[in-house]
Amino acid sequence: MLQAYFDESGTNGKEPLTVISGFIATDTTWLDFDTSWRSAIKHDLKDLGLAWFHMVECENGTKQFAPWASKPELRRFAAKTMADVIVKSGLKGFWSSVDFPDWCDATTPAFKTRYRKPYYFCFEDCLQQIAAWVSEFAPGESVKLIFAEQDEYQDRAAIIYGDYMKGKPLAPLQSLDSARMQGCARLQAADMAVYCTNKQMVADLLGKETKERIYRSALDVLYWNAGSFTGGHHDALSLTISEDPSQQA
């Protein structure tokens, strides 16, 4: 059995991008990852006294990282250490992003009815990516999907998932569920990936970066593995194509 875990970033309507990112792996790989992730927090980062890892706290030096707010090098080390666990575990990553201003200009009623917010567009894009990957690289297998718990999005996401499965009943997607990130190492890894991807894309597209760029320490590790991440960014052009079925391949 395969399992895929996803988290989101930039969903408050005030940020330029909305991004969903996550990882897929077998049960065995995930169990090994869980052990390595918790070991890294307990032993490699023992001096920090972390109960769990949250990338936004590491970036900004807040909450658990507040004692280390004036020590960005220590926070960079923490980000790199946890990214190393992801890479060494052999997880396969996926991501999808939407340009929020371009999203606001997408006006087809049917499109906006189905995808009421950018989150839902990225959500279905990730469903499609996972289904395609499993069909190609793990034929005959099925995958359980677990997204970070968000009350605002869960009901509508379940409807989109149900509609997707009705349209593609042979898709290798077995179930959709949610979980809290704080108690789930796998979602903490997805949180790192989605946060770092969002910040790097905002930096690339708009030239906006965080003060100390802690996220770059994690990305430098995460993208060492060529081909370990796949995904796509959606702007005015790709959203227009998505709105018009006659333009889709």
Protein backbone atom coordinates (compact mmCIF):
# COMPACT_ATOMS: atom_id res chain seq x y z
CA MET A 1 0.00 0.00 0.00
CA LEU A 2 1.18 3.50 -0.85
CA GLN A 3 0.41 6.60 1.19
CA ALA A 4 0.74 10.25 0.16
CA TYR A 5 0.80 13.17 2.59
CA PHE A 6 0.16 16.80 1.59
CA ASP A 7 0.15 20.24 3.19
CA GLU A 8 -0.72 23.71 1.86
CA SER A 9 0.74 27.21 2.00
CA GLY A 10 -0.48 30.66 1.00
CA THR A 11 -4.21 30.07 1.42
CA ASN A 12 -5.16 33.22 3.35
CA GLY A 13 -5.90 35.28 0.24
CA LYS A 14 -3.14 37.77 1.07
CA GLU A 15 -0.16 35.94 -0.44
CA PRO A 16 0.78 35.94 -4.14
CA LEU A 17 0.83 32.14 -4.45
CA THR A 18 -1.16 29.18 -3.18
CA VAL A 19 0.86 25.95 -3.06
CA ILE A 20 0.16 22.33 -2.12
CA SER A 21 3.06 19.92 -1.80
CA GLY A 22 3.71 16.48 -0.38
CA PHE A 23 5.30 13.06 -0.64
CA ILE A 24 4.37 9.50 -1.57
CA ALA A 25 6.00 6.29 -0.32
CA THR A 26 5.25 2.72 0.69
CA ASP A 27 4.17 1.80 4.21
CA THR A 28 7.63 0.39 4.92
CA THR A 29 9.41 3.50 3.69
CA TRP A 30 7.13 5.72 5.74
CA LEU A 31 7.74 3.70 8.91
CA ASP A 32 11.49 4.02 8.43
CA PHE A 33 11.05 7.74 7.77
CA ASP A 34 9.03 8.19 10.98
CA THR A 35 11.85 6.66 13.00
CA SER A 36 14.52 8.77 11.30
CA TRP A 37 12.54 12.02 11.60
CA ARG A 38 11.89 11.59 15.30
CA SER A 39 15.46 10.46 15.91
CA ALA A 40 16.79 13.60 14.21
CA ILE A 41 14.64 15.81 16.44
CA LYS A 42 15.55 13.90 19.60
CA HIS A 43 19.26 13.39 18.96
CA ASP A 44 20.65 15.56 16.14
CA LEU A 45 18.70 18.61 17.32
CA LYS A 46 18.55 17.67 21.00
CA ASP A 47 20.02 20.99 22.14
CA LEU A 48 17.03 22.81 20.65
CA GLY A 49 14.52 20.94 22.77
CA LEU A 50 11.94 20.57 19.99
CA ALA A 51 8.77 18.53 20.48
CA TRP A 52 8.10 18.52 16.72
CA PHE A 53 9.27 20.42 13.65
CA HIS A 54 7.41 23.32 12.05
CA MET A 55 9.18 25.09 9.21
CA VAL A 56 7.57 28.50 9.66
CA GLU A 57 8.78 28.59 13.28
CA CYS A 58 12.28 27.62 12.14
CA GLU A 59 12.23 30.32 9.45
CA ASN A 60 11.03 33.13 11.68
CA GLY A 61 12.56 32.15 15.01
CA THR A 62 9.20 31.92 16.77
CA LYS A 63 7.47 29.61 19.28
CA GLN A 64 9.75 26.56 19.72
CA PHE A 65 12.54 28.42 17.90
CA ALA A 66 12.10 31.67 19.85
CA PRO A 67 15.19 30.98 22.03
CA TRP A 68 17.20 30.80 18.81
CA ALA A 69 15.71 33.85 17.08
CA SER A 70 19.08 35.62 17.06
CA LYS A 71 20.93 32.53 15.81
CA PRO A 72 19.97 32.01 12.16
CA GLU A 73 22.90 29.65 11.56
CA LEU A 74 21.52 27.28 14.17
CA ARG A 75 18.10 27.42 12.51
CA ARG A 76 19.70 26.78 9.11
CA PHE A 77 21.37 23.71 10.58
CA ALA A 78 18.01 22.49 11.89
CA ALA A 79 16.34 22.96 8.49
CA LYS A 80 19.16 21.19 6.69
CA THR A 81 19.15 18.32 9.19
CA MET A 82 15.45 17.63 8.71
CA ALA A 83 15.68 18.00 4.92
CA ASP A 84 18.47 15.40 4.99
CA VAL A 85 16.04 12.94 6.59
CA ILE A 86 13.56 13.45 3.75
CA VAL A 87 16.15 12.94 1.03
CA LYS A 88 17.78 9.90 2.64
CA SER A 89 14.36 8.29 3.16
CA GLY A 90 13.76 8.23 -0.59
CA LEU A 91 10.37 9.97 -0.59
CA LYS A 92 8.94 11.11 -3.93
CA GLY A 93 7.68 14.70 -3.89
CA PHE A 94 4.90 16.52 -5.74
CA TRP A 95 3.76 20.14 -5.82
CA SER A 96 1.20 22.39 -7.45
CA SER A 97 0.93 26.19 -7.27
CA VAL A 98 -1.42 28.92 -8.49
CA ASP A 99 -0.71 32.61 -9.04
CA PHE A 100 -3.35 34.28 -6.86
CA PRO A 101 -3.82 37.52 -8.90
CA ASP A 102 -4.19 35.43 -12.08
CA TRP A 103 -6.62 33.20 -10.23
CA CYS A 104 -8.78 36.21 -9.39
CA ASP A 105 -9.02 36.99 -13.13
CA ALA A 106 -10.29 33.49 -13.98
CA THR A 107 -13.96 34.17 -14.63
CA THR A 108 -15.60 31.11 -16.21
CA PRO A 109 -18.60 30.37 -13.94
CA ALA A 110 -18.21 26.58 -14.16
CA PHE A 111 -14.52 26.88 -13.28
CA LYS A 112 -15.15 29.07 -10.24
CA THR A 113 -18.03 26.86 -9.13
CA ARG A 114 -15.80 23.78 -9.08
CA TYR A 115 -12.68 25.49 -7.78
CA ARG A 116 -14.02 28.11 -5.38
CA LYS A 117 -10.54 28.85 -4.11
CA PRO A 118 -7.04 28.22 -5.47
CA TYR A 119 -6.59 25.47 -2.88
CA TYR A 120 -9.13 23.28 -4.65
CA PHE A 121 -7.45 23.67 -8.03
CA CYS A 122 -4.09 22.64 -6.54
CA PHE A 123 -5.81 19.84 -4.66
CA GLU A 124 -7.20 18.24 -7.81
CA ASP A 125 -3.94 18.84 -9.66
CA CYS A 126 -2.17 16.82 -6.95
CA LEU A 127 -4.77 14.04 -7.29
CA GLN A 128 -4.01 13.88 -11.00
CA GLN A 129 -0.26 13.87 -10.44
CA ILE A 130 -0.42 11.09 -7.86
CA ALA A 131 -2.76 8.96 -10.01
CA ALA A 132 -0.51 9.36 -13.04
CA TRP A 133 2.66 8.55 -11.08
CA VAL A 134 1.19 5.42 -9.47
CA SER A 135 -0.14 4.18 -12.81
CA GLU A 136 3.29 4.59 -14.40
CA PHE A 137 5.70 3.63 -11.63
CA ALA A 138 3.65 1.39 -9.33
CA PRO A 139 1.01 -0.23 -11.57
CA GLY A 140 -1.47 -2.34 -9.69
CA GLU A 141 -0.92 -0.46 -6.42
CA SER A 142 -3.35 1.93 -4.77
CA VAL A 143 -2.69 4.98 -2.62
CA LYS A 144 -4.24 6.49 0.48
CA LEU A 145 -4.24 10.30 0.48
CA ILE A 146 -3.81 12.23 3.72
CA PHE A 147 -3.99 16.03 3.72
CA ALA A 148 -3.21 18.35 6.61
CA GLU A 149 -6.36 18.97 8.59
CA GLN A 150 -8.07 22.20 7.55
CA ASP A 151 -11.73 22.57 8.51
CA GLU A 152 -12.20 25.32 5.92
CA TYR A 153 -11.36 23.07 2.99
CA GLN A 154 -12.12 19.48 3.95
CA ASP A 155 -15.79 19.24 2.98
CA ARG A 156 -15.36 20.78 -0.46
CA ALA A 157 -12.16 18.79 -1.08
CA ALA A 158 -14.08 15.58 -0.33
CA ILE A 159 -16.68 16.55 -2.94
CA ILE A 160 -13.99 17.22 -5.54
CA TYR A 161 -12.33 13.91 -4.70
CA GLY A 162 -15.66 12.09 -5.06
CA ASP A 163 -16.37 13.74 -8.41
CA TYR A 164 -12.87 12.90 -9.60
CA MET A 165 -13.30 9.22 -8.70
CA LYS A 166 -16.71 9.09 -10.39
CA GLY A 167 -15.13 10.42 -13.56
CA LYS A 168 -12.10 8.12 -13.27
CA PRO A 169 -13.22 5.03 -11.36
CA LEU A 170 -10.06 3.13 -12.30
CA ALA A 171 -7.75 5.76 -10.83
CA PRO A 172 -5.44 4.15 -8.23
CA LEU A 173 -6.70 6.35 -5.39
CA GLN A 174 -8.15 4.36 -2.51
CA SER A 175 -9.20 6.94 0.07
CA LEU A 176 -8.97 10.54 1.25
CA ASP A 177 -8.38 11.48 4.88
CA SER A 178 -6.88 14.25 7.00
CA ALA A 179 -4.62 14.47 10.04
CA ARG A 180 -3.08 17.08 12.32
CA MET A 181 0.46 18.08 11.42
CA GLN A 182 1.73 18.41 14.98
CA GLY A 183 1.43 14.70 15.68
CA CYS A 184 2.40 13.47 12.22
CA ALA A 185 6.05 13.43 11.11
CA ARG A 186 4.95 12.82 7.51
CA LEU A 187 2.89 15.99 7.42
CA GLN A 188 5.75 17.90 9.05
CA ALA A 189 7.88 16.86 6.07
CA ALA A 190 5.13 18.00 3.69
CA ASP A 191 4.98 21.28 5.60
CA MET A 192 8.69 21.83 5.07
CA ALA A 193 8.40 21.09 1.36
CA VAL A 194 5.38 23.33 0.73
CA TYR A 195 6.69 26.24 2.80
CA CYS A 196 10.10 26.20 1.14
CA THR A 197 8.65 25.77 -2.34
CA ASN A 198 6.30 28.71 -1.80
CA LYS A 199 9.02 31.02 -0.50
CA GLN A 200 11.44 30.15 -3.29
CA MET A 201 8.82 30.68 -6.00
CA VAL A 202 7.83 34.06 -4.53
CA ALA A 203 11.52 34.99 -4.49
CA ASP A 204 11.98 33.85 -8.10
CA LEU A 205 8.81 35.45 -9.47
CA LEU A 206 8.57 38.61 -7.39
CA GLY A 207 11.98 39.10 -5.84
CA LYS A 208 10.56 38.86 -2.31
CA GLU A 209 12.56 36.88 0.22
CA THR A 210 12.41 36.25 3.94
CA LYS A 211 14.91 38.12 6.08
CA GLU A 212 17.34 35.29 6.77
CA ARG A 213 16.30 32.83 4.02
CA ILE A 214 16.37 29.79 6.25
CA TYR A 215 14.21 27.95 3.71
CA ARG A 216 17.08 27.94 1.23
CA SER A 217 19.10 25.65 3.49
CA ALA A 218 16.31 23.08 3.27
CA LEU A 219 15.77 23.51 -0.47
CA ASP A 220 19.46 23.09 -1.21
CA VAL A 221 19.14 19.60 0.28
CA LEU A 222 15.67 18.70 -1.01
CA TYR A 223 16.57 19.39 -4.62
CA TRP A 224 19.90 17.56 -4.58
CA ASN A 225 17.98 14.51 -5.79
CA ALA A 226 17.27 15.22 -9.44
CA GLY A 227 13.74 14.16 -10.28
CA SER A 228 12.72 13.70 -6.66
CA PHE A 229 10.14 16.50 -7.04
CA THR A 230 7.66 17.01 -9.85
CA GLY A 231 4.90 19.55 -10.21
CA GLY A 232 3.82 22.71 -11.96
CA HIS A 233 2.96 26.37 -11.55
CA HIS A 234 -0.34 27.70 -12.92
CA ASP A 235 -0.67 31.28 -14.17
CA ALA A 236 -3.03 33.15 -16.49
CA LEU A 237 -2.24 30.93 -19.50
CA SER A 238 -2.59 27.53 -17.84
CA LEU A 239 -5.68 28.65 -15.92
CA THR A 240 -7.29 29.78 -19.19
CA ILE A 241 -6.60 26.36 -20.70
CA SER A 242 -8.06 24.70 -17.61
CA GLU A 243 -11.20 26.81 -17.94
CA ASP A 244 -11.75 25.72 -21.54
CA PRO A 245 -12.00 21.91 -21.95
CA SER A 246 -11.58 22.26 -25.74
CA GLN A 247 -8.01 23.50 -25.15
CA GLN A 248 -6.99 20.67 -22.86
CA ALA A 249 -4.89 17.77 -24.17
